[in-house]
Structures are given as C-alpha cells and as structure tokens.
N, C-alpha and C. Protein backbone atom coordinates (compact mmCIF):
# COMPACT_ATOMS: atom_id res chain seq x y z
N MET A 1 86.81 -28.63 31.40
CA MET A 1 86.02 -27.70 30.95
C MET A 1 84.63 -27.84 30.29
N ASP A 2 83.70 -27.21 30.97
CA ASP A 2 82.20 -27.67 30.57
C ASP A 2 82.06 -27.52 28.88
N GLU A 3 80.92 -28.33 28.36
CA GLU A 3 80.45 -28.23 27.26
C GLU A 3 79.89 -27.25 26.88
N PRO A 4 79.69 -26.59 25.83
CA PRO A 4 78.50 -25.47 25.77
C PRO A 4 77.22 -25.71 25.70
N ALA A 5 76.25 -25.09 26.22
CA ALA A 5 75.01 -25.48 26.37
C ALA A 5 74.24 -25.49 24.85
N ASP A 6 73.16 -26.47 24.51
CA ASP A 6 72.98 -26.44 23.09
C ASP A 6 72.00 -25.11 22.85
N VAL A 7 72.29 -24.79 21.78
CA VAL A 7 71.37 -23.24 21.74
C VAL A 7 69.54 -23.93 21.59
N ARG A 8 69.01 -23.15 21.74
CA ARG A 8 67.54 -23.42 22.07
C ARG A 8 66.95 -22.86 20.70
N VAL A 9 66.09 -23.50 20.20
CA VAL A 9 65.59 -23.32 18.74
C VAL A 9 64.12 -22.55 19.03
N GLY A 10 63.77 -21.48 18.52
CA GLY A 10 62.60 -20.63 18.77
C GLY A 10 61.80 -21.44 17.97
N ARG A 11 60.25 -21.06 18.95
CA ARG A 11 59.05 -22.01 18.25
C ARG A 11 58.84 -21.34 16.92
N GLY A 12 58.77 -22.65 15.98
CA GLY A 12 58.26 -22.51 14.45
C GLY A 12 59.78 -22.14 13.66
N GLN A 13 60.96 -21.91 14.33
CA GLN A 13 62.33 -21.64 13.65
C GLN A 13 62.33 -22.52 12.38
N ARG A 14 62.21 -24.04 13.02
CA ARG A 14 62.29 -24.97 12.01
C ARG A 14 61.68 -24.96 10.64
N LEU A 15 60.26 -24.72 11.11
CA LEU A 15 59.24 -24.54 10.03
C LEU A 15 59.93 -23.64 8.87
N ILE A 16 60.27 -22.20 9.43
CA ILE A 16 60.63 -21.04 9.00
C ILE A 16 61.82 -21.53 7.88
N GLU A 17 62.89 -22.30 8.46
CA GLU A 17 64.26 -22.69 7.89
C GLU A 17 63.64 -23.83 6.38
N ALA A 18 62.60 -24.72 6.81
CA ALA A 18 62.33 -25.33 5.62
C ALA A 18 61.62 -25.01 4.68
N CYS A 19 60.87 -23.67 5.00
CA CYS A 19 60.30 -23.11 4.11
C CYS A 19 61.31 -22.46 2.88
N ARG A 20 62.56 -22.02 3.35
CA ARG A 20 63.63 -21.13 2.87
C ARG A 20 64.51 -21.97 2.14
N GLU A 21 64.13 -23.35 2.13
CA GLU A 21 65.41 -24.47 1.64
C GLU A 21 65.42 -24.28 -0.19
N ASP A 22 66.30 -24.58 -0.75
CA ASP A 22 66.33 -24.59 -1.95
C ASP A 22 65.73 -25.73 -2.62
N LEU A 23 64.75 -25.87 -3.19
CA LEU A 23 63.97 -27.15 -3.50
C LEU A 23 64.37 -27.66 -5.09
N ASP A 24 65.29 -26.82 -5.72
CA ASP A 24 66.10 -26.95 -6.90
C ASP A 24 66.97 -28.45 -6.64
N LEU A 25 67.17 -28.68 -5.25
CA LEU A 25 68.38 -29.75 -4.81
C LEU A 25 67.28 -30.92 -4.83
N TYR A 26 66.20 -30.97 -4.92
CA TYR A 26 65.42 -32.29 -4.16
C TYR A 26 64.62 -32.94 -5.86
N ALA A 27 64.73 -34.24 -5.94
CA ALA A 27 64.01 -34.85 -6.89
C ALA A 27 62.63 -34.97 -6.84
N VAL A 28 62.13 -35.17 -7.84
CA VAL A 28 60.79 -35.23 -7.77
C VAL A 28 60.23 -36.12 -6.67
N SER A 29 60.40 -37.17 -6.61
CA SER A 29 59.83 -38.35 -5.38
C SER A 29 60.14 -37.66 -4.30
N GLU A 30 61.06 -36.89 -4.02
CA GLU A 30 61.39 -35.99 -2.66
C GLU A 30 60.57 -35.01 -2.50
N LEU A 31 60.10 -34.35 -3.54
CA LEU A 31 59.31 -33.22 -3.61
C LEU A 31 57.80 -33.85 -3.26
N GLU A 32 57.50 -34.71 -3.95
CA GLU A 32 56.14 -35.34 -3.66
C GLU A 32 55.98 -35.61 -2.30
N GLU A 33 57.02 -36.38 -1.45
CA GLU A 33 57.10 -36.76 -0.10
C GLU A 33 56.73 -35.50 0.81
N ARG A 34 57.60 -34.54 0.22
CA ARG A 34 57.80 -33.43 1.25
C ARG A 34 56.02 -32.69 1.25
N LEU A 35 55.65 -32.98 0.20
CA LEU A 35 54.22 -32.51 -0.15
C LEU A 35 53.25 -33.35 0.79
N GLU A 36 53.63 -34.51 1.03
CA GLU A 36 52.76 -35.68 1.89
C GLU A 36 52.53 -35.48 3.27
N ILE A 37 54.00 -35.04 3.67
CA ILE A 37 54.36 -34.44 4.86
C ILE A 37 53.50 -33.12 5.22
N LEU A 38 53.82 -32.20 4.45
CA LEU A 38 53.39 -30.87 4.56
C LEU A 38 51.46 -31.00 4.78
N ALA A 39 51.04 -32.08 3.67
CA ALA A 39 49.38 -32.29 3.62
C ALA A 39 49.12 -32.73 5.07
N SER A 40 49.74 -33.42 5.48
CA SER A 40 49.69 -34.49 6.81
C SER A 40 49.70 -33.18 8.16
N GLU A 41 50.67 -32.35 7.94
CA GLU A 41 51.05 -31.38 9.06
C GLU A 41 49.73 -30.35 9.05
N ARG A 42 49.21 -30.03 7.79
CA ARG A 42 48.10 -28.96 7.53
C ARG A 42 46.95 -29.55 8.22
N ALA A 43 46.56 -30.88 8.22
CA ALA A 43 45.88 -31.47 8.86
C ALA A 43 45.95 -32.06 10.42
N ARG A 44 46.82 -31.80 11.05
CA ARG A 44 47.06 -31.71 12.38
C ARG A 44 47.02 -30.55 12.69
N VAL A 45 47.25 -29.43 12.28
CA VAL A 45 47.20 -27.98 12.88
C VAL A 45 45.70 -27.86 12.73
N GLN A 46 44.90 -28.22 11.85
CA GLN A 46 43.63 -27.77 11.31
C GLN A 46 42.72 -28.49 12.52
N ALA A 47 43.19 -29.67 12.87
CA ALA A 47 42.37 -30.32 13.87
C ALA A 47 42.60 -29.87 15.07
N GLN A 48 43.84 -28.91 15.46
CA GLN A 48 44.04 -28.38 16.51
C GLN A 48 43.53 -26.94 16.86
N ILE A 49 43.60 -26.62 15.56
CA ILE A 49 42.68 -25.17 15.61
C ILE A 49 41.06 -25.48 16.17
N GLU A 50 40.85 -26.66 15.60
CA GLU A 50 39.07 -26.81 15.76
C GLU A 50 39.11 -27.72 17.19
N LYS A 51 40.09 -28.28 17.82
CA LYS A 51 39.92 -28.47 19.33
C LYS A 51 39.94 -26.95 20.42
N LYS A 52 40.89 -26.20 19.61
CA LYS A 52 40.97 -25.02 20.55
C LYS A 52 39.40 -24.15 20.20
N LEU A 53 39.44 -24.17 19.12
CA LEU A 53 37.65 -23.42 18.91
C LEU A 53 36.62 -24.17 19.69
N SER A 54 36.79 -25.15 20.06
CA SER A 54 35.56 -26.02 20.46
C SER A 54 35.39 -25.67 22.01
N GLY A 55 37.04 -25.87 22.52
CA GLY A 55 37.13 -25.58 24.14
C GLY A 55 36.76 -24.00 24.25
N ARG A 56 37.06 -23.34 23.44
CA ARG A 56 36.63 -21.76 23.53
C ARG A 56 34.92 -21.74 23.75
N ALA A 57 34.52 -22.43 22.44
CA ALA A 57 33.18 -22.32 22.58
C ALA A 57 32.59 -22.89 23.92
N ALA A 58 33.04 -23.99 24.39
CA ALA A 58 32.14 -24.77 25.59
C ALA A 58 32.61 -23.71 26.69
N ALA A 59 33.72 -23.37 26.91
CA ALA A 59 33.87 -22.23 28.07
C ALA A 59 33.06 -21.00 27.75
N ASP A 60 32.98 -20.49 26.51
CA ASP A 60 31.90 -19.53 26.61
C ASP A 60 30.48 -19.53 26.83
N ALA A 61 29.93 -20.93 26.59
CA ALA A 61 28.76 -21.23 26.99
C ALA A 61 28.79 -21.41 28.21
N LEU A 62 29.70 -21.99 29.21
CA LEU A 62 29.76 -22.01 30.48
C LEU A 62 29.51 -20.86 31.26
N PHE A 63 30.29 -20.10 30.60
CA PHE A 63 30.74 -18.73 31.52
C PHE A 63 29.76 -17.05 31.16
N SER A 64 28.99 -17.55 29.86
CA SER A 64 28.26 -16.35 29.27
C SER A 64 27.12 -16.27 30.16
N PRO A 65 26.47 -14.92 30.45
CA PRO A 65 25.52 -14.82 31.05
C PRO A 65 24.11 -15.49 30.43
N ARG A 66 23.47 -15.97 30.78
CA ARG A 66 22.13 -16.40 30.47
C ARG A 66 20.80 -15.51 29.99
N ALA A 67 20.50 -16.00 29.21
CA ALA A 67 19.53 -15.13 28.52
C ALA A 67 17.95 -15.22 29.35
N ASN A 68 17.41 -14.25 29.63
CA ASN A 68 16.10 -14.32 30.48
C ASN A 68 14.77 -14.66 29.59
C-alpha cells in the first residue's frame, strides 16, 4: 500500500503557527534567541521589499512615456 502524500503547508502558515505559540513555555534565553531570529527575519524581509521596489522603479523608468 502506498504511503500517504505529505500535506503541503500553505504559504506563511508556519509563521502564523509560530506567532500563536505559548511563550510561557520558553526560558528568557530562548525568548532572547527568538527575538534575534525575528530581527534577522525582519531585516531579510525589508531587504526583499527594497529589492522589489527598486526593480519596479527601474521598470517604470524604462517603460514610462518620456516627457518632452
């Protein structure tokens, strides 16, 4: 008999689950580590936003009508 297929996790689902975790179960050191990870992730997301905005601005400049 075939093994069941892995359930595909939706985009962002793990982040949502992490945000709902009971933080009372963590020690202070674990919470501090979690904050470091979140700060790193925030910087990564911000860099991606800036990259996308830069790409969009370049495309707009290339394809927008030129002023006479």
